[in-house]
N, C-alpha and C. Protein backbone atom coordinates (compact mmCIF):
# COMPACT_ATOMS: atom_id res chain seq x y z
N MET A 1 174.35 185.82 35.17
CA MET A 1 175.70 185.59 35.66
C MET A 1 175.79 184.14 36.14
N GLN A 2 176.87 183.47 35.76
CA GLN A 2 177.04 182.07 36.11
C GLN A 2 177.67 181.93 37.49
N ARG A 3 177.26 180.88 38.16
CA ARG A 3 177.87 180.58 39.45
C ARG A 3 179.19 179.86 39.20
N PRO A 4 180.19 180.14 40.01
CA PRO A 4 181.46 179.43 39.85
C PRO A 4 181.30 177.95 40.18
N ASP A 5 181.97 177.13 39.42
CA ASP A 5 181.91 175.69 39.62
C ASP A 5 182.94 175.29 40.68
N PRO A 6 182.49 174.77 41.84
CA PRO A 6 183.43 174.41 42.91
C PRO A 6 184.45 173.35 42.49
N SER A 7 184.02 172.41 41.66
CA SER A 7 184.96 171.37 41.24
C SER A 7 186.03 171.94 40.33
N SER A 8 185.66 172.91 39.51
CA SER A 8 186.64 173.56 38.63
C SER A 8 187.64 174.37 39.45
N ASP A 9 187.13 175.10 40.45
CA ASP A 9 188.02 175.87 41.31
C ASP A 9 188.98 174.96 42.06
N ARG A 10 188.48 173.84 42.52
CA ARG A 10 189.34 172.89 43.25
C ARG A 10 190.42 172.33 42.32
N ARG A 11 190.03 172.00 41.09
CA ARG A 11 191.00 171.47 40.12
C ARG A 11 192.08 172.51 39.81
N LEU A 12 191.67 173.76 39.65
CA LEU A 12 192.65 174.81 39.38
C LEU A 12 193.57 175.04 40.58
N ALA A 13 193.01 174.94 41.78
CA ALA A 13 193.82 175.11 42.98
C ALA A 13 194.85 173.98 43.10
N LEU A 14 194.45 172.77 42.76
CA LEU A 14 195.40 171.65 42.80
C LEU A 14 196.50 171.83 41.77
N LYS A 15 196.14 172.33 40.57
CA LYS A 15 197.15 172.58 39.55
C LYS A 15 198.12 173.67 40.01
N ALA A 16 197.58 174.71 40.63
CA ALA A 16 198.44 175.80 41.12
C ALA A 16 199.37 175.30 42.22
N ARG A 17 198.85 174.44 43.10
CA ARG A 17 199.69 173.87 44.15
C ARG A 17 200.80 173.00 43.56
N LEU A 18 200.47 172.24 42.52
CA LEU A 18 201.48 171.42 41.85
C LEU A 18 202.57 172.28 41.24
N VAL A 19 202.17 173.39 40.63
CA VAL A 19 203.16 174.31 40.06
C VAL A 19 204.07 174.84 41.15
N ALA A 20 203.51 175.22 42.29
CA ALA A 20 204.31 175.74 43.39
C ALA A 20 205.30 174.71 43.91
N VAL A 21 204.85 173.47 44.04
CA VAL A 21 205.74 172.40 44.53
C VAL A 21 206.86 172.13 43.52
N VAL A 22 206.51 172.10 42.24
CA VAL A 22 207.52 171.85 41.21
C VAL A 22 208.55 172.98 41.19
N LEU A 23 208.10 174.22 41.29
CA LEU A 23 209.04 175.35 41.30
C LEU A 23 209.97 175.29 42.52
N ALA A 24 209.41 175.04 43.68
CA ALA A 24 210.24 174.98 44.90
C ALA A 24 211.24 173.82 44.83
N ALA A 25 210.76 172.66 44.40
CA ALA A 25 211.66 171.50 44.31
C ALA A 25 212.74 171.72 43.25
N THR A 26 212.37 172.34 42.15
CA THR A 26 213.34 172.60 41.09
C THR A 26 214.47 173.50 41.59
N VAL A 27 214.10 174.57 42.26
CA VAL A 27 215.12 175.49 42.76
C VAL A 27 216.03 174.81 43.77
N ILE A 28 215.44 174.05 44.69
CA ILE A 28 216.24 173.38 45.72
C ILE A 28 217.17 172.34 45.10
N LEU A 29 216.62 171.52 44.20
CA LEU A 29 217.45 170.49 43.56
C LEU A 29 218.51 171.10 42.66
N TRP A 30 218.16 172.16 41.95
CA TRP A 30 219.14 172.79 41.06
C TRP A 30 220.29 173.40 41.87
N MET A 31 219.95 174.09 42.97
CA MET A 31 221.01 174.67 43.80
C MET A 31 221.87 173.57 44.43
N GLY A 32 221.22 172.49 44.86
CA GLY A 32 221.98 171.38 45.42
C GLY A 32 222.90 170.73 44.41
N ALA A 33 222.43 170.59 43.18
CA ALA A 33 223.26 170.01 42.12
C ALA A 33 224.43 170.92 41.79
N GLN A 34 224.19 172.22 41.78
CA GLN A 34 225.29 173.16 41.50
C GLN A 34 226.36 173.09 42.59
N TRP A 35 225.91 173.05 43.83
CA TRP A 35 226.86 172.97 44.95
C TRP A 35 227.62 171.64 44.91
N LEU A 36 226.88 170.55 44.72
CA LEU A 36 227.50 169.23 44.71
C LEU A 36 228.48 169.10 43.53
N GLY A 37 228.10 169.63 42.39
CA GLY A 37 228.99 169.60 41.23
C GLY A 37 230.27 170.36 41.48
N GLY A 38 230.17 171.49 42.18
CA GLY A 38 231.37 172.26 42.51
C GLY A 38 232.25 171.54 43.50
N GLN A 39 231.63 170.86 44.46
CA GLN A 39 232.40 170.15 45.48
C GLN A 39 233.09 168.90 44.91
N MET A 40 232.42 168.24 43.97
CA MET A 40 232.96 166.99 43.44
C MET A 40 233.75 167.19 42.15
N GLY A 41 233.77 168.41 41.63
CA GLY A 41 234.55 168.70 40.44
C GLY A 41 233.95 168.09 39.17
N TRP A 42 232.63 168.07 39.07
CA TRP A 42 231.99 167.51 37.89
C TRP A 42 232.35 168.31 36.64
N GLU A 43 232.32 167.63 35.53
CA GLU A 43 232.56 168.31 34.26
C GLU A 43 231.40 169.27 33.97
N THR A 44 231.70 170.27 33.17
CA THR A 44 230.71 171.29 32.86
C THR A 44 229.48 170.70 32.16
N ARG A 45 229.68 169.70 31.34
CA ARG A 45 228.53 169.14 30.61
C ARG A 45 227.51 168.51 31.56
N TYR A 46 227.94 167.97 32.68
CA TYR A 46 227.00 167.40 33.64
C TYR A 46 226.25 168.51 34.39
N VAL A 47 226.95 169.57 34.67
CA VAL A 47 226.31 170.70 35.35
C VAL A 47 225.27 171.33 34.42
N PHE A 48 225.59 171.44 33.13
CA PHE A 48 224.63 171.98 32.16
C PHE A 48 223.40 171.08 32.04
N LEU A 49 223.57 169.80 32.24
CA LEU A 49 222.43 168.89 32.22
C LEU A 49 221.41 169.27 33.29
N PHE A 50 221.88 169.59 34.48
CA PHE A 50 220.99 170.05 35.54
C PHE A 50 220.38 171.40 35.21
N ASP A 51 221.17 172.27 34.56
CA ASP A 51 220.62 173.56 34.15
C ASP A 51 219.47 173.39 33.17
N PHE A 52 219.65 172.53 32.19
CA PHE A 52 218.60 172.32 31.20
C PHE A 52 217.37 171.64 31.81
N ALA A 53 217.58 170.75 32.75
CA ALA A 53 216.44 170.13 33.44
C ALA A 53 215.66 171.18 34.23
N ALA A 54 216.37 172.09 34.88
CA ALA A 54 215.70 173.16 35.62
C ALA A 54 214.95 174.08 34.66
N LEU A 55 215.56 174.41 33.54
CA LEU A 55 214.87 175.24 32.55
C LEU A 55 213.61 174.57 32.03
N ALA A 56 213.67 173.27 31.80
CA ALA A 56 212.49 172.54 31.34
C ALA A 56 211.37 172.60 32.39
N ALA A 57 211.73 172.47 33.65
CA ALA A 57 210.73 172.55 34.72
C ALA A 57 210.13 173.95 34.80
N PHE A 58 210.96 174.97 34.62
CA PHE A 58 210.46 176.35 34.64
C PHE A 58 209.53 176.62 33.46
N VAL A 59 209.88 176.13 32.29
CA VAL A 59 209.01 176.30 31.12
C VAL A 59 207.68 175.59 31.35
N TRP A 60 207.73 174.38 31.89
CA TRP A 60 206.50 173.65 32.19
C TRP A 60 205.64 174.45 33.16
N ALA A 61 206.26 175.02 34.19
CA ALA A 61 205.50 175.79 35.18
C ALA A 61 204.86 177.02 34.55
N ILE A 62 205.57 177.67 33.63
CA ILE A 62 205.00 178.84 32.96
C ILE A 62 203.81 178.44 32.11
N VAL A 63 203.94 177.34 31.38
CA VAL A 63 202.84 176.87 30.53
C VAL A 63 201.61 176.52 31.37
N VAL A 64 201.80 175.80 32.45
CA VAL A 64 200.67 175.42 33.29
C VAL A 64 200.06 176.64 33.98
N THR A 65 200.89 177.58 34.41
CA THR A 65 200.37 178.80 35.01
C THR A 65 199.55 179.59 34.00
N TYR A 66 199.99 179.64 32.75
CA TYR A 66 199.23 180.31 31.70
C TYR A 66 197.89 179.60 31.48
N GLN A 67 197.90 178.28 31.49
CA GLN A 67 196.65 177.53 31.35
C GLN A 67 195.69 177.83 32.50
N ILE A 68 196.20 177.92 33.71
CA ILE A 68 195.37 178.25 34.86
C ILE A 68 194.79 179.65 34.69
N TRP A 69 195.61 180.58 34.29
CA TRP A 69 195.16 181.95 34.10
C TRP A 69 194.05 182.03 33.04
N ARG A 70 194.26 181.32 31.91
CA ARG A 70 193.26 181.33 30.84
C ARG A 70 191.94 180.69 31.32
N GLU A 71 192.04 179.66 32.11
CA GLU A 71 190.84 178.99 32.62
C GLU A 71 190.08 179.91 33.58
N ARG A 72 190.81 180.68 34.38
CA ARG A 72 190.16 181.61 35.31
C ARG A 72 189.48 182.76 34.58
N GLN A 73 189.96 183.09 33.36
CA GLN A 73 189.36 184.17 32.58
C GLN A 73 187.98 183.78 32.04
N ARG A 74 187.72 182.50 31.90
CA ARG A 74 186.45 182.03 31.36
C ARG A 74 185.33 182.12 32.35
């Protein structure tokens, strides 16, 4: 049985923390943009720009989370 590599665990923990920060910041910024867009009467195309940016961040977070999961399986 192999011993766990502390540096690998630390690297995975940092990646997981980065995913958590990106998810939290994405939600806060997306909600703020939606509110601000409603208050300022922005056109729909600008609001959709924020939606697509949030979707891109969520997809990135899913991909990185999958990579972390796969690395932990090894």
